[in-house]
């Protein structure tokens, strides 16, 4: 597991105060939203987006297809953050 993926898992657990879940419990390919996987909702996505903006300095546009795909799982989210961090530099 990459360092960024670990950071994002920790960010999700702490941002959403998921006390019954540890970052190690989250599979990088597990769906984050919907009935499968973590079962997060749109409010959770907003909170995660705000945290990503604060920590990584990445502005996330509205729910475009790219953003939806990027928030599908940790692995996609890590790729999204990597790509946008490189663009900011």
PDB file of N, CA and C in Angstrom:
ATOM      1  N   UNK A   1       0.852  -1.178   0.000  1.00  0.00           N
ATOM      2  CA  UNK A   1       0.000   0.000   0.000  1.00  0.00           C
ATOM      3  C   UNK A   1       0.894   1.235   0.000  1.00  0.00           C
ATOM      4  N   UNK A   2       0.566   2.202  -0.834  1.00  0.00           N
ATOM      5  CA  UNK A   2       1.356   3.417  -0.917  1.00  0.00           C
ATOM      6  C   UNK A   2       1.139   4.324   0.275  1.00  0.00           C
ATOM      7  N   UNK A   3       2.111   5.190   0.518  1.00  0.00           N
ATOM      8  CA  UNK A   3       2.004   6.126   1.628  1.00  0.00           C
ATOM      9  C   UNK A   3       0.804   7.047   1.480  1.00  0.00           C
ATOM     10  N   UNK A   4       0.551   7.508   0.259  1.00  0.00           N
ATOM     11  CA  UNK A   4      -0.582   8.394   0.034  1.00  0.00           C
ATOM     12  C   UNK A   4      -1.894   7.673   0.312  1.00  0.00           C
ATOM     13  N   UNK A   5      -1.987   6.419  -0.078  1.00  0.00           N
ATOM     14  CA  UNK A   5      -3.200   5.650   0.206  1.00  0.00           C
ATOM     15  C   UNK A   5      -3.402   5.535   1.720  1.00  0.00           C
ATOM     16  N   UNK A   6      -2.338   5.281   2.451  1.00  0.00           N
ATOM     17  CA  UNK A   6      -2.426   5.204   3.916  1.00  0.00           C
ATOM     18  C   UNK A   6      -2.878   6.533   4.506  1.00  0.00           C
ATOM     19  N   UNK A   7      -2.299   7.632   3.990  1.00  0.00           N
ATOM     20  CA  UNK A   7      -2.686   8.963   4.459  1.00  0.00           C
ATOM     21  C   UNK A   7      -4.173   9.216   4.214  1.00  0.00           C
ATOM     22  N   UNK A   8      -4.653   8.836   3.025  1.00  0.00           N
ATOM     23  CA  UNK A   8      -6.059   9.067   2.687  1.00  0.00           C
ATOM     24  C   UNK A   8      -6.989   8.214   3.543  1.00  0.00           C
ATOM     25  N   UNK A   9      -6.585   7.002   3.831  1.00  0.00           N
ATOM     26  CA  UNK A   9      -7.398   6.152   4.710  1.00  0.00           C
ATOM     27  C   UNK A   9      -7.498   6.779   6.095  1.00  0.00           C
ATOM     28  N   UNK A  10      -6.374   7.266   6.598  1.00  0.00           N
ATOM     29  CA  UNK A  10      -6.371   7.922   7.904  1.00  0.00           C
ATOM     30  C   UNK A  10      -7.208   9.190   7.861  1.00  0.00           C
ATOM     31  N   UNK A  11      -7.076   9.956   6.777  1.00  0.00           N
ATOM     32  CA  UNK A  11      -7.868  11.170   6.618  1.00  0.00           C
ATOM     33  C   UNK A  11      -9.361  10.860   6.676  1.00  0.00           C
ATOM     34  N   UNK A  12      -9.784   9.817   5.987  1.00  0.00           N
ATOM     35  CA  UNK A  12     -11.209   9.451   5.974  1.00  0.00           C
ATOM     36  C   UNK A  12     -11.678   9.034   7.366  1.00  0.00           C
ATOM     37  N   UNK A  13     -10.907   8.193   8.020  1.00  0.00           N
ATOM     38  CA  UNK A  13     -11.303   7.720   9.357  1.00  0.00           C
ATOM     39  C   UNK A  13     -11.386   8.877  10.343  1.00  0.00           C
ATOM     40  N   UNK A  14     -10.403   9.781  10.312  1.00  0.00           N
ATOM     41  CA  UNK A  14     -10.402  10.890  11.277  1.00  0.00           C
ATOM     42  C   UNK A  14     -11.407  11.975  10.905  1.00  0.00           C
ATOM     43  N   UNK A  15     -11.494  12.320   9.625  1.00  0.00           N
ATOM     44  CA  UNK A  15     -12.421  13.363   9.189  1.00  0.00           C
ATOM     45  C   UNK A  15     -13.865  12.976   9.482  1.00  0.00           C
ATOM     46  N   UNK A  16     -14.189  11.728   9.212  1.00  0.00           N
ATOM     47  CA  UNK A  16     -15.571  11.272   9.388  1.00  0.00           C
ATOM     48  C   UNK A  16     -15.822  10.674  10.775  1.00  0.00           C
ATOM     49  N   UNK A  17     -14.781  10.683  11.611  1.00  0.00           N
ATOM     50  CA  UNK A  17     -14.888  10.152  12.983  1.00  0.00           C
ATOM     51  C   UNK A  17     -15.460   8.728  12.990  1.00  0.00           C
ATOM     52  N   UNK A  18     -14.854   7.881  12.166  1.00  0.00           N
ATOM     53  CA  UNK A  18     -15.284   6.488  12.057  1.00  0.00           C
ATOM     54  C   UNK A  18     -14.594   5.680  13.161  1.00  0.00           C
ATOM     55  N   UNK A  19     -15.090   5.805  14.367  1.00  0.00           N
ATOM     56  CA  UNK A  19     -14.454   5.228  15.547  1.00  0.00           C
ATOM     57  C   UNK A  19     -14.387   3.709  15.526  1.00  0.00           C
ATOM     58  N   UNK A  20     -15.296   3.066  14.834  1.00  0.00           N
ATOM     59  CA  UNK A  20     -15.321   1.604  14.803  1.00  0.00           C
ATOM     60  C   UNK A  20     -14.494   1.032  13.648  1.00  0.00           C
ATOM     61  N   UNK A  21     -13.714   1.894  12.986  1.00  0.00           N
ATOM     62  CA  UNK A  21     -12.947   1.479  11.818  1.00  0.00           C
ATOM     63  C   UNK A  21     -11.537   2.055  11.918  1.00  0.00           C
ATOM     64  N   UNK A  22     -10.554   1.225  11.562  1.00  0.00           N
ATOM     65  CA  UNK A  22      -9.183   1.728  11.517  1.00  0.00           C
ATOM     66  C   UNK A  22      -8.769   1.846  10.045  1.00  0.00           C
ATOM     67  N   UNK A  23      -7.766   2.680   9.752  1.00  0.00           N
ATOM     68  CA  UNK A  23      -7.332   2.811   8.353  1.00  0.00           C
ATOM     69  C   UNK A  23      -6.951   1.474   7.718  1.00  0.00           C
ATOM     70  N   UNK A  24      -6.395   0.577   8.505  1.00  0.00           N
ATOM     71  CA  UNK A  24      -5.981  -0.728   7.992  1.00  0.00           C
ATOM     72  C   UNK A  24      -7.171  -1.596   7.580  1.00  0.00           C
ATOM     73  N   UNK A  25      -8.364  -1.272   8.078  1.00  0.00           N
ATOM     74  CA  UNK A  25      -9.571  -2.030   7.735  1.00  0.00           C
ATOM     75  C   UNK A  25     -10.097  -1.699   6.340  1.00  0.00           C
ATOM     76  N   UNK A  26      -9.625  -0.616   5.766  1.00  0.00           N
ATOM     77  CA  UNK A  26     -10.126  -0.162   4.473  1.00  0.00           C
ATOM     78  C   UNK A  26      -9.258  -0.729   3.358  1.00  0.00           C
ATOM     79  N   UNK A  27      -9.872  -1.468   2.453  1.00  0.00           N
ATOM     80  CA  UNK A  27      -9.174  -1.990   1.276  1.00  0.00           C
ATOM     81  C   UNK A  27      -9.090  -0.864   0.244  1.00  0.00           C
ATOM     82  N   UNK A  28      -7.959  -0.720  -0.399  1.00  0.00           N
ATOM     83  CA  UNK A  28      -7.741   0.370  -1.357  1.00  0.00           C
ATOM     84  C   UNK A  28      -8.682   0.319  -2.562  1.00  0.00           C
ATOM     85  N   UNK A  29      -9.210  -0.862  -2.882  1.00  0.00           N
ATOM     86  CA  UNK A  29     -10.117  -1.005  -4.017  1.00  0.00           C
ATOM     87  C   UNK A  29     -11.578  -1.114  -3.598  1.00  0.00           C
ATOM     88  N   UNK A  30     -11.839  -1.034  -2.306  1.00  0.00           N
ATOM     89  CA  UNK A  30     -13.197  -1.129  -1.774  1.00  0.00           C
ATOM     90  C   UNK A  30     -13.979   0.136  -2.130  1.00  0.00           C
ATOM     91  N   UNK A  31     -15.226  -0.009  -2.597  1.00  0.00           N
ATOM     92  CA  UNK A  31     -16.029   1.179  -2.894  1.00  0.00           C
ATOM     93  C   UNK A  31     -16.220   2.025  -1.630  1.00  0.00           C
ATOM     94  N   UNK A  32     -16.116   3.332  -1.789  1.00  0.00           N
ATOM     95  CA  UNK A  32     -16.310   4.219  -0.647  1.00  0.00           C
ATOM     96  C   UNK A  32     -17.775   4.584  -0.444  1.00  0.00           C
ATOM     97  N   UNK A  33     -18.550   4.610  -1.536  1.00  0.00           N
ATOM     98  CA  UNK A  33     -19.932   5.086  -1.476  1.00  0.00           C
ATOM     99  C   UNK A  33     -20.922   4.015  -1.913  1.00  0.00           C
ATOM    100  N   UNK A  34     -22.164   4.199  -1.512  1.00  0.00           N
ATOM    101  CA  UNK A  34     -23.217   3.261  -1.885  1.00  0.00           C
ATOM    102  C   UNK A  34     -23.366   2.159  -0.863  1.00  0.00           C
ATOM    103  N   UNK A  35     -24.156   1.156  -1.229  1.00  0.00           N
ATOM    104  CA  UNK A  35     -24.456   0.058  -0.306  1.00  0.00           C
ATOM    105  C   UNK A  35     -23.268  -0.863  -0.079  1.00  0.00           C
ATOM    106  N   UNK A  36     -22.391  -0.962  -1.056  1.00  0.00           N
ATOM    107  CA  UNK A  36     -21.209  -1.819  -0.916  1.00  0.00           C
ATOM    108  C   UNK A  36     -20.084  -1.031  -0.249  1.00  0.00           C
ATOM    109  N   UNK A  37     -19.098  -1.709   0.234  1.00  0.00           N
ATOM    110  CA  UNK A  37     -17.925  -1.045   0.797  1.00  0.00           C
ATOM    111  C   UNK A  37     -18.230  -0.271   2.066  1.00  0.00           C
ATOM    112  N   UNK A  38     -17.688   0.942   2.156  1.00  0.00           N
ATOM    113  CA  UNK A  38     -17.854   1.744   3.366  1.00  0.00           C
ATOM    114  C   UNK A  38     -19.245   2.338   3.517  1.00  0.00           C
ATOM    115  N   UNK A  39     -19.960   2.501   2.420  1.00  0.00           N
ATOM    116  CA  UNK A  39     -21.327   3.018   2.490  1.00  0.00           C
ATOM    117  C   UNK A  39     -21.399   4.502   2.829  1.00  0.00           C
ATOM    118  N   UNK A  40     -20.405   5.280   2.409  1.00  0.00           N
ATOM    119  CA  UNK A  40     -20.417   6.713   2.667  1.00  0.00           C
ATOM    120  C   UNK A  40     -21.467   7.394   1.798  1.00  0.00           C
ATOM    121  N   UNK A  41     -21.823   8.642   2.167  1.00  0.00           N
ATOM    122  CA  UNK A  41     -22.829   9.376   1.398  1.00  0.00           C
ATOM    123  C   UNK A  41     -22.268  10.709   0.911  1.00  0.00           C
ATOM    124  N   UNK A  42     -23.122  11.524   0.314  1.00  0.00           N
ATOM    125  CA  UNK A  42     -22.668  12.779  -0.298  1.00  0.00           C
ATOM    126  C   UNK A  42     -22.137  13.775   0.735  1.00  0.00           C
ATOM    127  N   UNK A  43     -22.680  13.785   1.925  1.00  0.00           N
ATOM    128  CA  UNK A  43     -22.169  14.665   2.989  1.00  0.00           C
ATOM    129  C   UNK A  43     -20.752  14.234   3.354  1.00  0.00           C
ATOM    130  N   UNK A  44     -20.524  12.927   3.430  1.00  0.00           N
ATOM    131  CA  UNK A  44     -19.179  12.412   3.699  1.00  0.00           C
ATOM    132  C   UNK A  44     -18.212  12.849   2.600  1.00  0.00           C
ATOM    133  N   UNK A  45     -18.658  12.794   1.355  1.00  0.00           N
ATOM    134  CA  UNK A  45     -17.808  13.199   0.226  1.00  0.00           C
ATOM    135  C   UNK A  45     -17.424  14.667   0.350  1.00  0.00           C
ATOM    136  N   UNK A  46     -18.374  15.493   0.757  1.00  0.00           N
ATOM    137  CA  UNK A  46     -18.103  16.915   0.942  1.00  0.00           C
ATOM    138  C   UNK A  46     -17.053  17.128   2.033  1.00  0.00           C
ATOM    139  N   UNK A  47     -17.197  16.438   3.150  1.00  0.00           N
ATOM    140  CA  UNK A  47     -16.242  16.562   4.246  1.00  0.00           C
ATOM    141  C   UNK A  47     -14.846  16.083   3.831  1.00  0.00           C
ATOM    142  N   UNK A  48     -14.793  14.986   3.091  1.00  0.00           N
ATOM    143  CA  UNK A  48     -13.504  14.469   2.598  1.00  0.00           C
ATOM    144  C   UNK A  48     -12.882  15.482   1.641  1.00  0.00           C
ATOM    145  N   UNK A  49     -13.690  16.042   0.759  1.00  0.00           N
ATOM    146  CA  UNK A  49     -13.200  17.035  -0.194  1.00  0.00           C
ATOM    147  C   UNK A  49     -12.619  18.261   0.498  1.00  0.00           C
ATOM    148  N   UNK A  50     -13.287  18.728   1.548  1.00  0.00           N
ATOM    149  CA  UNK A  50     -12.787  19.881   2.310  1.00  0.00           C
ATOM    150  C   UNK A  50     -11.447  19.538   2.958  1.00  0.00           C
ATOM    151  N   UNK A  51     -11.337  18.356   3.518  1.00  0.00           N
ATOM    152  CA  UNK A  51     -10.078  17.940   4.142  1.00  0.00           C
ATOM    153  C   UNK A  51      -8.953  17.821   3.115  1.00  0.00           C
ATOM    154  N   UNK A  52      -9.261  17.287   1.955  1.00  0.00           N
ATOM    155  CA  UNK A  52      -8.253  17.169   0.897  1.00  0.00           C
ATOM    156  C   UNK A  52      -7.786  18.555   0.459  1.00  0.00           C
ATOM    157  N   UNK A  53      -8.721  19.481   0.359  1.00  0.00           N
ATOM    158  CA  UNK A  53      -8.351  20.843  -0.024  1.00  0.00           C
ATOM    159  C   UNK A  53      -7.429  21.472   1.021  1.00  0.00           C
ATOM    160  N   UNK A  54      -7.763  21.287   2.297  1.00  0.00           N
ATOM    161  CA  UNK A  54      -6.946  21.855   3.370  1.00  0.00           C
ATOM    162  C   UNK A  54      -5.553  21.229   3.431  1.00  0.00           C
ATOM    163  N   UNK A  55      -5.488  19.921   3.340  1.00  0.00           N
ATOM    164  CA  UNK A  55      -4.215  19.210   3.529  1.00  0.00           C
ATOM    165  C   UNK A  55      -3.332  19.264   2.288  1.00  0.00           C
ATOM    166  N   UNK A  56      -3.927  19.043   1.120  1.00  0.00           N
ATOM    167  CA  UNK A  56      -3.141  18.918  -0.105  1.00  0.00           C
ATOM    168  C   UNK A  56      -3.202  20.143  -1.009  1.00  0.00           C
ATOM    169  N   UNK A  57      -4.042  21.110  -0.668  1.00  0.00           N
ATOM    170  CA  UNK A  57      -4.131  22.321  -1.470  1.00  0.00           C
ATOM    171  C   UNK A  57      -4.769  22.112  -2.823  1.00  0.00           C
ATOM    172  N   UNK A  58      -5.635  21.123  -2.918  1.00  0.00           N
ATOM    173  CA  UNK A  58      -6.284  20.785  -4.189  1.00  0.00           C
ATOM    174  C   UNK A  58      -7.727  21.262  -4.151  1.00  0.00           C
ATOM    175  N   UNK A  59      -8.091  22.071  -5.125  1.00  0.00           N
ATOM    176  CA  UNK A  59      -9.481  22.500  -5.250  1.00  0.00           C
ATOM    177  C   UNK A  59     -10.230  21.444  -6.052  1.00  0.00           C
ATOM    178  N   UNK A  60     -11.314  20.978  -5.503  1.00  0.00           N
ATOM    179  CA  UNK A  60     -12.109  19.940  -6.164  1.00  0.00           C
ATOM    180  C   UNK A  60     -13.360  20.587  -6.727  1.00  0.00           C
ATOM    181  N   UNK A  61     -13.529  20.474  -8.038  1.00  0.00           N
ATOM    182  CA  UNK A  61     -14.703  21.032  -8.695  1.00  0.00           C
ATOM    183  C   UNK A  61     -15.943  20.233  -8.306  1.00  0.00           C
ATOM    184  N   UNK A  62     -17.077  20.710  -8.732  1.00  0.00           N
ATOM    185  CA  UNK A  62     -18.333  20.025  -8.436  1.00  0.00           C
ATOM    186  C   UNK A  62     -18.295  18.580  -8.920  1.00  0.00           C
ATOM    187  N   UNK A  63     -19.333  17.876  -8.646  1.00  0.00           N
ATOM    188  CA  UNK A  63     -19.392  16.432  -8.907  1.00  0.00           C
ATOM    189  C   UNK A  63     -19.368  16.104 -10.397  1.00  0.00           C
ATOM    190  N   UNK A  64     -18.231  16.316 -11.022  1.00  0.00           N
ATOM    191  CA  UNK A  64     -18.065  15.932 -12.422  1.00  0.00           C
ATOM    192  C   UNK A  64     -17.851  14.418 -12.497  1.00  0.00           C
ATOM    193  N   UNK A  65     -17.868  13.889 -13.695  1.00  0.00           N
ATOM    194  CA  UNK A  65     -17.626  12.456 -13.857  1.00  0.00           C
ATOM    195  C   UNK A  65     -16.236  12.084 -13.356  1.00  0.00           C
ATOM    196  N   UNK A  66     -15.236  12.971 -13.594  1.00  0.00           N
ATOM    197  CA  UNK A  66     -13.875  12.708 -13.126  1.00  0.00           C
ATOM    198  C   UNK A  66     -13.830  12.626 -11.597  1.00  0.00           C
ATOM    199  N   UNK A  67     -14.505  13.542 -10.942  1.00  0.00           N
ATOM    200  CA  UNK A  67     -14.508  13.557  -9.474  1.00  0.00           C
ATOM    201  C   UNK A  67     -15.233  12.325  -8.936  1.00  0.00           C
ATOM    202  N   UNK A  68     -16.350  11.977  -9.525  1.00  0.00           N
ATOM    203  CA  UNK A  68     -17.085  10.781  -9.083  1.00  0.00           C
ATOM    204  C   UNK A  68     -16.224   9.538  -9.212  1.00  0.00           C
ATOM    205  N   UNK A  69     -15.530   9.402 -10.342  1.00  0.00           N
ATOM    206  CA  UNK A  69     -14.655   8.246 -10.546  1.00  0.00           C
ATOM    207  C   UNK A  69     -13.505   8.278  -9.547  1.00  0.00           C
ATOM    208  N   UNK A  70     -12.969   9.453  -9.285  1.00  0.00           N
ATOM    209  CA  UNK A  70     -11.837   9.588  -8.375  1.00  0.00           C
ATOM    210  C   UNK A  70     -12.205   9.259  -6.941  1.00  0.00           C
ATOM    211  N   UNK A  71     -13.432   9.519  -6.550  1.00  0.00           N
ATOM    212  CA  UNK A  71     -13.874   9.247  -5.190  1.00  0.00           C
ATOM    213  C   UNK A  71     -14.455   7.837  -5.034  1.00  0.00           C
ATOM    214  N   UNK A  72     -14.359   7.019  -6.067  1.00  0.00           N
ATOM    215  CA  UNK A  72     -14.946   5.676  -6.014  1.00  0.00           C
ATOM    216  C   UNK A  72     -14.250   4.779  -4.994  1.00  0.00           C
ATOM    217  N   UNK A  73     -12.923   4.884  -4.891  1.00  0.00           N
ATOM    218  CA  UNK A  73     -12.164   4.055  -3.961  1.00  0.00           C
ATOM    219  C   UNK A  73     -10.863   4.780  -3.597  1.00  0.00           C
ATOM    220  N   UNK A  74     -10.181   4.295  -2.597  1.00  0.00           N
ATOM    221  CA  UNK A  74      -8.933   4.918  -2.139  1.00  0.00           C
ATOM    222  C   UNK A  74      -7.892   4.974  -3.250  1.00  0.00           C
ATOM    223  N   UNK A  75      -7.743   3.897  -3.994  1.00  0.00           N
ATOM    224  CA  UNK A  75      -6.727   3.864  -5.052  1.00  0.00           C
ATOM    225  C   UNK A  75      -6.972   4.984  -6.080  1.00  0.00           C
ATOM    226  N   UNK A  76      -8.222   5.153  -6.504  1.00  0.00           N
ATOM    227  CA  UNK A  76      -8.560   6.217  -7.453  1.00  0.00           C
ATOM    228  C   UNK A  76      -8.333   7.591  -6.832  1.00  0.00           C
ATOM    229  N   UNK A  77      -8.697   7.730  -5.567  1.00  0.00           N
ATOM    230  CA  UNK A  77      -8.535   9.002  -4.880  1.00  0.00           C
ATOM    231  C   UNK A  77      -7.055   9.374  -4.764  1.00  0.00           C
ATOM    232  N   UNK A  78      -6.211   8.396  -4.496  1.00  0.00           N
ATOM    233  CA  UNK A  78      -4.771   8.639  -4.412  1.00  0.00           C
ATOM    234  C   UNK A  78      -4.230   9.097  -5.759  1.00  0.00           C
ATOM    235  N   UNK A  79      -4.672   8.484  -6.842  1.00  0.00           N
ATOM    236  CA  UNK A  79      -4.235   8.899  -8.179  1.00  0.00           C
ATOM    237  C   UNK A  79      -4.690  10.318  -8.489  1.00  0.00           C
ATOM    238  N   UNK A  80      -5.894  10.644  -8.097  1.00  0.00           N
ATOM    239  CA  UNK A  80      -6.443  11.993  -8.286  1.00  0.00           C
ATOM    240  C   UNK A  80      -5.592  13.019  -7.542  1.00  0.00           C
ATOM    241  N   UNK A  81      -5.282  12.737  -6.281  1.00  0.00           N
ATOM    242  CA  UNK A  81      -4.475  13.658  -5.472  1.00  0.00           C
ATOM    243  C   UNK A  81      -3.082  13.790  -6.075  1.00  0.00           C
ATOM    244  N   UNK A  82      -2.466  12.674  -6.438  1.00  0.00           N
ATOM    245  CA  UNK A  82      -1.128  12.731  -7.053  1.00  0.00           C
ATOM    246  C   UNK A  82      -1.125  13.613  -8.305  1.00  0.00           C
ATOM    247  N   UNK A  83      -2.084  13.387  -9.181  1.00  0.00           N
ATOM    248  CA  UNK A  83      -2.151  14.132 -10.442  1.00  0.00           C
ATOM    249  C   UNK A  83      -2.349  15.625 -10.194  1.00  0.00           C
ATOM    250  N   UNK A  84      -3.213  15.973  -9.252  1.00  0.00           N
ATOM    251  CA  UNK A  84      -3.496  17.372  -8.999  1.00  0.00           C
ATOM    252  C   UNK A  84      -2.405  18.056  -8.195  1.00  0.00           C
ATOM    253  N   UNK A  85      -1.705  17.305  -7.367  1.00  0.00           N
ATOM    254  CA  UNK A  85      -0.559  17.892  -6.651  1.00  0.00           C
ATOM    255  C   UNK A  85       0.538  18.229  -7.635  1.00  0.00           C
ATOM    256  N   UNK A  86       0.769  17.366  -8.610  1.00  0.00           N
ATOM    257  CA  UNK A  86       1.786  17.619  -9.619  1.00  0.00           C
ATOM    258  C   UNK A  86       1.419  18.854 -10.443  1.00  0.00           C
ATOM    259  N   UNK A  87       0.137  19.013 -10.730  1.00  0.00           N
ATOM    260  CA  UNK A  87      -0.326  20.163 -11.522  1.00  0.00           C
ATOM    261  C   UNK A  87      -0.155  21.468 -10.752  1.00  0.00           C
ATOM    262  N   UNK A  88      -0.264  21.421  -9.436  1.00  0.00           N
ATOM    263  CA  UNK A  88      -0.147  22.613  -8.603  1.00  0.00           C
ATOM    264  C   UNK A  88       1.312  23.061  -8.515  1.00  0.00           C
ATOM    265  N   UNK A  89       2.222  22.104  -8.542  1.00  0.00           N
ATOM    266  CA  UNK A  89       3.655  22.441  -8.406  1.00  0.00           C
ATOM    267  C   UNK A  89       4.182  23.131  -9.571  1.00  0.00           C
TER     268      UNK A  89
END
